[in-house]
Amino acid sequence: MKDQLFILRPGFFKESEGPFYCGDSVSVEGLLGFYPQLRHAVDVVYVDAARPRVPIVKLIGEDNQSAPVLVLSPESGPACDGVDIRVSGEMRFIDSPDHIRRYLSSKYGVAHQA
């Protein structure tokens, strides 16, 4: 199993307002755009903004359905320094956009943020 990266699908509405995009998702999406090989290294899953976000809930629970979130494969080794990993049951995940980018840069050997 690969690490799974969940990103909010752009163009969502809140009540009668919108369309919107998630700025945190955009920052992670930007790294994927700069380094397209990351799309092959992890499973990228786009989810709707409306809750519950079932694919995320199934893996890390209802209390952890924010996005973007990177759910780590059980085979993934330890994270790099400075990356906070949270745990839900047996699953480990990263839910900070900055830490997701730092982890992806370190694990997959692409440039780091200055």
C-alpha atoms as a PDB file:
ATOM      1  CA  MET A   1       0.000   0.000   0.000  1.00  0.00           C
ATOM      2  CA  LYS A   2       1.236   3.496  -0.837  1.00  0.00           C
ATOM      3  CA  ASP A   3       0.882   6.569   1.311  1.00  0.00           C
ATOM      4  CA  GLN A   4      -2.492   8.176   0.519  1.00  0.00           C
ATOM      5  CA  LEU A   5      -2.800  11.920   0.060  1.00  0.00           C
ATOM      6  CA  PHE A   6      -6.321  13.327   0.390  1.00  0.00           C
ATOM      7  CA  ILE A   7      -6.925  16.765  -1.140  1.00  0.00           C
ATOM      8  CA  LEU A   8     -10.151  18.772  -1.293  1.00  0.00           C
ATOM      9  CA  ARG A   9     -11.646  18.943  -4.764  1.00  0.00           C
ATOM     10  CA  PRO A  10     -11.802  22.618  -5.868  1.00  0.00           C
ATOM     11  CA  GLY A  11     -14.988  24.419  -6.803  1.00  0.00           C
ATOM     12  CA  PHE A  12     -17.016  23.594  -3.701  1.00  0.00           C
ATOM     13  CA  PHE A  13     -19.827  25.702  -2.264  1.00  0.00           C
ATOM     14  CA  LYS A  14     -20.692  26.686   1.307  1.00  0.00           C
ATOM     15  CA  GLU A  15     -24.428  27.121   1.444  1.00  0.00           C
ATOM     16  CA  SER A  16     -25.140  29.540  -1.428  1.00  0.00           C
ATOM     17  CA  GLU A  17     -21.625  30.997  -1.642  1.00  0.00           C
ATOM     18  CA  GLY A  18     -18.773  29.881  -3.851  1.00  0.00           C
ATOM     19  CA  PRO A  19     -17.210  28.335  -5.693  1.00  0.00           C
ATOM     20  CA  PHE A  20     -14.213  28.025  -3.361  1.00  0.00           C
ATOM     21  CA  TYR A  21     -10.903  26.212  -3.226  1.00  0.00           C
ATOM     22  CA  CYS A  22      -8.914  25.181  -0.163  1.00  0.00           C
ATOM     23  CA  GLY A  23      -5.691  27.189   0.181  1.00  0.00           C
ATOM     24  CA  ASP A  24      -4.034  24.414   2.191  1.00  0.00           C
ATOM     25  CA  SER A  25      -4.850  21.893  -0.539  1.00  0.00           C
ATOM     26  CA  VAL A  26      -3.493  24.303  -3.161  1.00  0.00           C
ATOM     27  CA  SER A  27      -0.135  24.495  -1.373  1.00  0.00           C
ATOM     28  CA  VAL A  28       0.232  20.698  -1.451  1.00  0.00           C
ATOM     29  CA  GLU A  29      -1.116  20.533  -5.018  1.00  0.00           C
ATOM     30  CA  GLY A  30       1.580  23.051  -5.996  1.00  0.00           C
ATOM     31  CA  LEU A  31       4.319  20.676  -4.834  1.00  0.00           C
ATOM     32  CA  LEU A  32       2.709  17.898  -6.898  1.00  0.00           C
ATOM     33  CA  GLY A  33       2.700  20.245  -9.887  1.00  0.00           C
ATOM     34  CA  PHE A  34       6.398  21.062  -9.499  1.00  0.00           C
ATOM     35  CA  TYR A  35       7.317  17.383  -9.018  1.00  0.00           C
ATOM     36  CA  PRO A  36       4.821  15.199 -10.922  1.00  0.00           C
ATOM     37  CA  GLN A  37       6.740  12.050  -9.944  1.00  0.00           C
ATOM     38  CA  LEU A  38       5.156  12.455  -6.506  1.00  0.00           C
ATOM     39  CA  ARG A  39       1.771  11.592  -8.062  1.00  0.00           C
ATOM     40  CA  HIS A  40       3.197   8.153  -8.861  1.00  0.00           C
ATOM     41  CA  ALA A  41       4.839   7.731  -5.464  1.00  0.00           C
ATOM     42  CA  VAL A  42       1.645   8.314  -3.447  1.00  0.00           C
ATOM     43  CA  ASP A  43      -2.034   7.692  -4.122  1.00  0.00           C
ATOM     44  CA  VAL A  44      -3.675  11.095  -4.602  1.00  0.00           C
ATOM     45  CA  VAL A  45      -7.380  11.067  -3.755  1.00  0.00           C
ATOM     46  CA  TYR A  46      -9.625  14.079  -4.308  1.00  0.00           C
ATOM     47  CA  VAL A  47     -12.509  14.363  -1.859  1.00  0.00           C
ATOM     48  CA  ASP A  48     -15.547  16.607  -1.711  1.00  0.00           C
ATOM     49  CA  ALA A  49     -15.594  19.328   0.927  1.00  0.00           C
ATOM     50  CA  ALA A  50     -18.916  18.179   2.398  1.00  0.00           C
ATOM     51  CA  ARG A  51     -18.653  16.084   5.535  1.00  0.00           C
ATOM     52  CA  PRO A  52     -18.452  13.308   6.280  1.00  0.00           C
ATOM     53  CA  ARG A  53     -15.461  12.720   4.035  1.00  0.00           C
ATOM     54  CA  VAL A  54     -15.993   8.992   3.946  1.00  0.00           C
ATOM     55  CA  PRO A  55     -12.665   7.849   2.431  1.00  0.00           C
ATOM     56  CA  ILE A  56     -10.758   9.713   5.163  1.00  0.00           C
ATOM     57  CA  VAL A  57     -13.139   8.687   7.957  1.00  0.00           C
ATOM     58  CA  LYS A  58     -12.731   5.013   7.033  1.00  0.00           C
ATOM     59  CA  LEU A  59      -8.970   5.254   7.574  1.00  0.00           C
ATOM     60  CA  ILE A  60      -8.456   7.675  10.452  1.00  0.00           C
ATOM     61  CA  GLY A  61     -11.855   8.367  11.977  1.00  0.00           C
ATOM     62  CA  GLU A  62     -14.481  11.069  12.021  1.00  0.00           C
ATOM     63  CA  ASP A  63     -12.443  13.354  14.284  1.00  0.00           C
ATOM     64  CA  ASN A  64      -9.588  13.478  11.738  1.00  0.00           C
ATOM     65  CA  GLN A  65     -11.297  14.260   8.430  1.00  0.00           C
ATOM     66  CA  SER A  66      -9.556  17.545   7.668  1.00  0.00           C
ATOM     67  CA  ALA A  67      -7.852  17.872   4.315  1.00  0.00           C
ATOM     68  CA  PRO A  68      -5.251  17.875   3.044  1.00  0.00           C
ATOM     69  CA  VAL A  69      -4.113  14.846   4.973  1.00  0.00           C
ATOM     70  CA  LEU A  70      -1.445  12.273   4.188  1.00  0.00           C
ATOM     71  CA  VAL A  71      -2.258   8.817   5.569  1.00  0.00           C
ATOM     72  CA  LEU A  72       0.947   6.840   5.854  1.00  0.00           C
ATOM     73  CA  SER A  73       1.225   3.298   4.667  1.00  0.00           C
ATOM     74  CA  PRO A  74       1.988   0.766   7.404  1.00  0.00           C
ATOM     75  CA  GLU A  75       5.223   0.080   5.525  1.00  0.00           C
ATOM     76  CA  SER A  76       6.336   3.717   5.650  1.00  0.00           C
ATOM     77  CA  GLY A  77       9.353   4.206   7.824  1.00  0.00           C
ATOM     78  CA  PRO A  78       9.859   6.992  10.311  1.00  0.00           C
ATOM     79  CA  ALA A  79       9.259  10.545   9.195  1.00  0.00           C
ATOM     80  CA  CYS A  80      11.962  13.120   8.764  1.00  0.00           C
ATOM     81  CA  ASP A  81      12.860  15.511  11.550  1.00  0.00           C
ATOM     82  CA  GLY A  82      10.368  18.265  12.184  1.00  0.00           C
ATOM     83  CA  VAL A  83       7.325  16.372  10.888  1.00  0.00           C
ATOM     84  CA  ASP A  84       4.509  15.777  13.356  1.00  0.00           C
ATOM     85  CA  ILE A  85       2.816  12.434  12.846  1.00  0.00           C
ATOM     86  CA  ARG A  86      -0.537  11.786  14.469  1.00  0.00           C
ATOM     87  CA  VAL A  87      -2.051   8.379  15.175  1.00  0.00           C
ATOM     88  CA  SER A  88      -5.606   7.062  14.953  1.00  0.00           C
ATOM     89  CA  GLY A  89      -5.935   3.403  15.823  1.00  0.00           C
ATOM     90  CA  GLU A  90      -3.313   1.598  13.752  1.00  0.00           C
ATOM     91  CA  MET A  91      -2.976   4.403  11.204  1.00  0.00           C
ATOM     92  CA  ARG A  92      -0.433   7.229  11.190  1.00  0.00           C
ATOM     93  CA  PHE A  93      -1.132  10.470   9.377  1.00  0.00           C
ATOM     94  CA  ILE A  94       0.106  14.008   8.771  1.00  0.00           C
ATOM     95  CA  ASP A  95      -2.491  16.770   8.656  1.00  0.00           C
ATOM     96  CA  SER A  96      -0.370  19.913   8.498  1.00  0.00           C
ATOM     97  CA  PRO A  97       0.148  21.142   4.902  1.00  0.00           C
ATOM     98  CA  ASP A  98       3.664  22.337   5.780  1.00  0.00           C
ATOM     99  CA  HIS A  99       4.556  18.978   7.321  1.00  0.00           C
ATOM    100  CA  ILE A 100       3.009  17.075   4.395  1.00  0.00           C
ATOM    101  CA  ARG A 101       5.228  19.026   1.976  1.00  0.00           C
ATOM    102  CA  ARG A 102       8.289  18.537   4.208  1.00  0.00           C
ATOM    103  CA  TYR A 103       7.629  14.784   4.436  1.00  0.00           C
ATOM    104  CA  LEU A 104       7.108  14.372   0.678  1.00  0.00           C
ATOM    105  CA  SER A 105      10.229  16.401  -0.120  1.00  0.00           C
ATOM    106  CA  SER A 106      12.356  14.381   2.266  1.00  0.00           C
ATOM    107  CA  LYS A 107      10.995  10.912   1.541  1.00  0.00           C
ATOM    108  CA  TYR A 108      10.934  11.235  -2.237  1.00  0.00           C
ATOM    109  CA  GLY A 109      14.059  13.338  -2.739  1.00  0.00           C
ATOM    110  CA  VAL A 110      12.606  16.491  -4.250  1.00  0.00           C
ATOM    111  CA  ALA A 111      13.561  20.053  -3.362  1.00  0.00           C
ATOM    112  CA  HIS A 112      12.710  21.463   0.056  1.00  0.00           C
ATOM    113  CA  GLN A 113      10.953  24.728   0.819  1.00  0.00           C
ATOM    114  CA  ALA A 114      13.335  27.620   1.427  1.00  0.00           C
END
